[in-house]
C-alpha atoms as a PDB file:
ATOM      1  CA  UNK A   1       3.157 -61.798 129.056  1.00  0.00           C
ATOM      2  CA  UNK A   2       6.147 -59.544 129.571  1.00  0.00           C
ATOM      3  CA  UNK A   3       6.192 -56.055 128.132  1.00  0.00           C
ATOM      4  CA  UNK A   4       8.881 -56.894 125.554  1.00  0.00           C
ATOM      5  CA  UNK A   5       7.004 -59.979 124.336  1.00  0.00           C
ATOM      6  CA  UNK A   6       3.800 -57.958 124.102  1.00  0.00           C
ATOM      7  CA  UNK A   7       5.492 -55.310 121.920  1.00  0.00           C
ATOM      8  CA  UNK A   8       7.033 -57.994 119.659  1.00  0.00           C
ATOM      9  CA  UNK A   9       3.680 -59.776 119.349  1.00  0.00           C
ATOM     10  CA  UNK A  10       1.924 -56.520 118.457  1.00  0.00           C
ATOM     11  CA  UNK A  11       4.605 -55.668 115.876  1.00  0.00           C
ATOM     12  CA  UNK A  12       4.282 -59.140 114.361  1.00  0.00           C
ATOM     13  CA  UNK A  13       0.516 -58.684 113.997  1.00  0.00           C
ATOM     14  CA  UNK A  14       0.934 -55.223 112.466  1.00  0.00           C
ATOM     15  CA  UNK A  15       3.504 -56.482 109.949  1.00  0.00           C
ATOM     16  CA  UNK A  16       1.262 -59.428 109.066  1.00  0.00           C
ATOM     17  CA  UNK A  17      -1.681 -57.101 108.483  1.00  0.00           C
ATOM     18  CA  UNK A  18       0.460 -54.838 106.274  1.00  0.00           C
ATOM     19  CA  UNK A  19       1.643 -57.804 104.208  1.00  0.00           C
ATOM     20  CA  UNK A  20      -1.924 -59.016 103.694  1.00  0.00           C
ATOM     21  CA  UNK A  21      -3.081 -55.509 102.707  1.00  0.00           C
ATOM     22  CA  UNK A  22      -0.182 -55.184 100.260  1.00  0.00           C
ATOM     23  CA  UNK A  23      -1.053 -58.521  98.675  1.00  0.00           C
ATOM     24  CA  UNK A  24      -4.730 -57.630  98.384  1.00  0.00           C
ATOM     25  CA  UNK A  25      -4.084 -54.200  96.885  1.00  0.00           C
ATOM     26  CA  UNK A  26      -1.730 -55.709  94.302  1.00  0.00           C
ATOM     27  CA  UNK A  27      -4.337 -58.205  93.092  1.00  0.00           C
ATOM     28  CA  UNK A  28      -6.257 -57.434  89.947  1.00  0.00           C
ATOM     29  CA  UNK A  29      -9.981 -57.245  90.554  1.00  0.00           C
ATOM     30  CA  UNK A  30     -12.440 -58.317  87.916  1.00  0.00           C
ATOM     31  CA  UNK A  31     -14.936 -55.538  88.428  1.00  0.00           C
ATOM     32  CA  UNK A  32     -18.069 -56.014  86.364  1.00  0.00           C
ATOM     33  CA  UNK A  33     -19.619 -53.091  84.551  1.00  0.00           C
ATOM     34  CA  UNK A  34     -23.216 -52.812  83.429  1.00  0.00           C
ATOM     35  CA  UNK A  35     -25.096 -50.382  81.236  1.00  0.00           C
ATOM     36  CA  UNK A  36     -28.511 -49.982  79.669  1.00  0.00           C
ATOM     37  CA  UNK A  37     -28.038 -49.428  75.931  1.00  0.00           C
ATOM     38  CA  UNK A  38     -30.079 -49.342  72.758  1.00  0.00           C
ATOM     39  CA  UNK A  39     -29.502 -52.544  70.805  1.00  0.00           C
ATOM     40  CA  UNK A  40     -30.088 -52.966  67.105  1.00  0.00           C
ATOM     41  CA  UNK A  41     -28.877 -55.686  64.745  1.00  0.00           C
ATOM     42  CA  UNK A  42     -26.807 -55.693  61.580  1.00  0.00           C
ATOM     43  CA  UNK A  43     -25.742 -58.056  58.824  1.00  0.00           C
ATOM     44  CA  UNK A  44     -22.596 -58.507  56.775  1.00  0.00           C
ATOM     45  CA  UNK A  45     -24.184 -57.757  53.433  1.00  0.00           C
ATOM     46  CA  UNK A  46     -23.680 -54.966  50.909  1.00  0.00           C
ATOM     47  CA  UNK A  47     -25.722 -51.891  51.716  1.00  0.00           C
ATOM     48  CA  UNK A  48     -25.399 -52.156  55.498  1.00  0.00           C
ATOM     49  CA  UNK A  49     -21.896 -50.797  55.649  1.00  0.00           C
ATOM     50  CA  UNK A  50     -19.899 -48.067  54.004  1.00  0.00           C
ATOM     51  CA  UNK A  51     -16.953 -50.384  53.430  1.00  0.00           C
ATOM     52  CA  UNK A  52     -16.302 -52.384  50.303  1.00  0.00           C
ATOM     53  CA  UNK A  53     -15.460 -55.416  52.462  1.00  0.00           C
ATOM     54  CA  UNK A  54     -18.745 -55.642  54.347  1.00  0.00           C
ATOM     55  CA  UNK A  55     -17.605 -58.661  56.401  1.00  0.00           C
ATOM     56  CA  UNK A  56     -14.580 -56.952  57.993  1.00  0.00           C
ATOM     57  CA  UNK A  57     -15.028 -55.221  61.366  1.00  0.00           C
ATOM     58  CA  UNK A  58     -13.525 -51.851  62.235  1.00  0.00           C
ATOM     59  CA  UNK A  59     -10.551 -53.523  63.974  1.00  0.00           C
ATOM     60  CA  UNK A  60      -9.911 -55.776  60.973  1.00  0.00           C
ATOM     61  CA  UNK A  61     -11.689 -58.906  62.246  1.00  0.00           C
ATOM     62  CA  UNK A  62     -13.376 -61.139  59.660  1.00  0.00           C
ATOM     63  CA  UNK A  63     -17.070 -61.466  60.529  1.00  0.00           C
ATOM     64  CA  UNK A  64     -18.646 -64.833  59.744  1.00  0.00           C
ATOM     65  CA  UNK A  65     -22.284 -65.922  60.107  1.00  0.00           C
ATOM     66  CA  UNK A  66     -22.831 -67.664  63.440  1.00  0.00           C
ATOM     67  CA  UNK A  67     -20.323 -65.506  65.341  1.00  0.00           C
ATOM     68  CA  UNK A  68     -21.509 -63.864  68.539  1.00  0.00           C
ATOM     69  CA  UNK A  69     -20.135 -60.416  67.837  1.00  0.00           C
ATOM     70  CA  UNK A  70     -21.223 -56.850  68.453  1.00  0.00           C
ATOM     71  CA  UNK A  71     -20.339 -53.376  67.323  1.00  0.00           C
ATOM     72  CA  UNK A  72     -20.275 -50.676  69.994  1.00  0.00           C
ATOM     73  CA  UNK A  73     -20.687 -46.918  69.960  1.00  0.00           C
ATOM     74  CA  UNK A  74     -17.453 -45.062  70.587  1.00  0.00           C
ATOM     75  CA  UNK A  75     -18.590 -43.631  73.928  1.00  0.00           C
ATOM     76  CA  UNK A  76     -18.829 -47.229  75.208  1.00  0.00           C
ATOM     77  CA  UNK A  77     -15.269 -47.914  74.038  1.00  0.00           C
ATOM     78  CA  UNK A  78     -14.163 -45.140  76.395  1.00  0.00           C
ATOM     79  CA  UNK A  79     -15.997 -46.972  79.202  1.00  0.00           C
ATOM     80  CA  UNK A  80     -13.992 -50.156  78.654  1.00  0.00           C
ATOM     81  CA  UNK A  81     -15.884 -51.945  75.878  1.00  0.00           C
ATOM     82  CA  UNK A  82     -12.781 -52.227  73.731  1.00  0.00           C
ATOM     83  CA  UNK A  83     -11.782 -54.691  71.026  1.00  0.00           C
ATOM     84  CA  UNK A  84     -12.265 -58.347  72.068  1.00  0.00           C
ATOM     85  CA  UNK A  85     -14.129 -57.480  75.287  1.00  0.00           C
ATOM     86  CA  UNK A  86     -16.602 -60.218  76.245  1.00  0.00           C
ATOM     87  CA  UNK A  87     -20.154 -58.977  76.828  1.00  0.00           C
ATOM     88  CA  UNK A  88     -23.297 -60.588  78.183  1.00  0.00           C
ATOM     89  CA  UNK A  89     -26.541 -59.234  76.755  1.00  0.00           C
ATOM     90  CA  UNK A  90     -29.609 -59.640  78.927  1.00  0.00           C
ATOM     91  CA  UNK A  91     -32.115 -61.903  77.188  1.00  0.00           C
ATOM     92  CA  UNK A  92     -29.564 -63.567  74.893  1.00  0.00           C
ATOM     93  CA  UNK A  93     -27.585 -66.740  75.572  1.00  0.00           C
ATOM     94  CA  UNK A  94     -23.824 -66.816  75.740  1.00  0.00           C
ATOM     95  CA  UNK A  95     -21.184 -64.155  75.494  1.00  0.00           C
ATOM     96  CA  UNK A  96     -20.663 -61.747  72.635  1.00  0.00           C
ATOM     97  CA  UNK A  97     -17.313 -60.253  71.655  1.00  0.00           C
ATOM     98  CA  UNK A  98     -16.694 -56.641  70.653  1.00  0.00           C
ATOM     99  CA  UNK A  99     -15.318 -56.898  67.103  1.00  0.00           C
ATOM    100  CA  UNK A 100     -16.655 -53.744  65.504  1.00  0.00           C
ATOM    101  CA  UNK A 101     -17.272 -50.107  66.304  1.00  0.00           C
ATOM    102  CA  UNK A 102     -19.998 -47.785  65.155  1.00  0.00           C
ATOM    103  CA  UNK A 103     -20.028 -44.345  63.604  1.00  0.00           C
ATOM    104  CA  UNK A 104     -19.219 -41.625  66.136  1.00  0.00           C
ATOM    105  CA  UNK A 105     -22.720 -40.160  65.834  1.00  0.00           C
ATOM    106  CA  UNK A 106     -24.136 -43.031  67.963  1.00  0.00           C
ATOM    107  CA  UNK A 107     -24.207 -42.947  71.769  1.00  0.00           C
ATOM    108  CA  UNK A 108     -24.993 -45.718  74.292  1.00  0.00           C
ATOM    109  CA  UNK A 109     -25.681 -48.171  71.492  1.00  0.00           C
ATOM    110  CA  UNK A 110     -24.660 -51.664  70.410  1.00  0.00           C
ATOM    111  CA  UNK A 111     -25.281 -53.448  67.134  1.00  0.00           C
ATOM    112  CA  UNK A 112     -25.630 -57.228  67.357  1.00  0.00           C
ATOM    113  CA  UNK A 113     -24.106 -59.119  64.445  1.00  0.00           C
ATOM    114  CA  UNK A 114     -26.570 -61.514  62.808  1.00  0.00           C
ATOM    115  CA  UNK A 115     -24.537 -62.807  59.883  1.00  0.00           C
ATOM    116  CA  UNK A 116     -26.516 -62.679  56.646  1.00  0.00           C
ATOM    117  CA  UNK A 117     -29.914 -63.337  58.290  1.00  0.00           C
ATOM    118  CA  UNK A 118     -31.669 -60.075  57.436  1.00  0.00           C
ATOM    119  CA  UNK A 119     -35.020 -61.388  58.700  1.00  0.00           C
ATOM    120  CA  UNK A 120     -33.553 -62.141  62.164  1.00  0.00           C
ATOM    121  CA  UNK A 121     -32.084 -58.640  62.295  1.00  0.00           C
ATOM    122  CA  UNK A 122     -35.442 -57.097  61.368  1.00  0.00           C
ATOM    123  CA  UNK A 123     -37.220 -59.271  63.922  1.00  0.00           C
ATOM    124  CA  UNK A 124     -34.803 -58.087  66.614  1.00  0.00           C
ATOM    125  CA  UNK A 125     -35.551 -54.482  65.724  1.00  0.00           C
ATOM    126  CA  UNK A 126     -34.485 -51.873  68.245  1.00  0.00           C
ATOM    127  CA  UNK A 127     -34.741 -52.327  72.002  1.00  0.00           C
ATOM    128  CA  UNK A 128     -33.186 -51.360  75.302  1.00  0.00           C
ATOM    129  CA  UNK A 129     -31.047 -54.050  76.933  1.00  0.00           C
ATOM    130  CA  UNK A 130     -28.747 -54.391  79.919  1.00  0.00           C
ATOM    131  CA  UNK A 131     -25.202 -55.417  79.066  1.00  0.00           C
ATOM    132  CA  UNK A 132     -22.470 -56.639  81.413  1.00  0.00           C
ATOM    133  CA  UNK A 133     -18.745 -56.753  80.712  1.00  0.00           C
END
């Protein structure tokens, strides 16, 4: 190969590599986050909330029995667990959606919505779980 062809070939490879790198860096990556948190459960009944409308989440969502929803502590919101974020909870089936937030006194905590089933919430109790979002 002549010297000029070699230089052109090398330039073509370098430009191709730069284009590929530019395309890759511009792509959105779906990086998964995990955390170990304390998980409790709550119900949409009077006495378990300070609000008059006990079935309305902090972002205004209407909570209905059967929904897979959670409330999150505000420190977790800062880590990306914002409104409508989908969350997997180790040991539970399906995905849960962040529809509520907790009082600022709580840290590294989620509250799993269990509709009006107080017994299920009591049975759940308080435990450490791994969450992924």
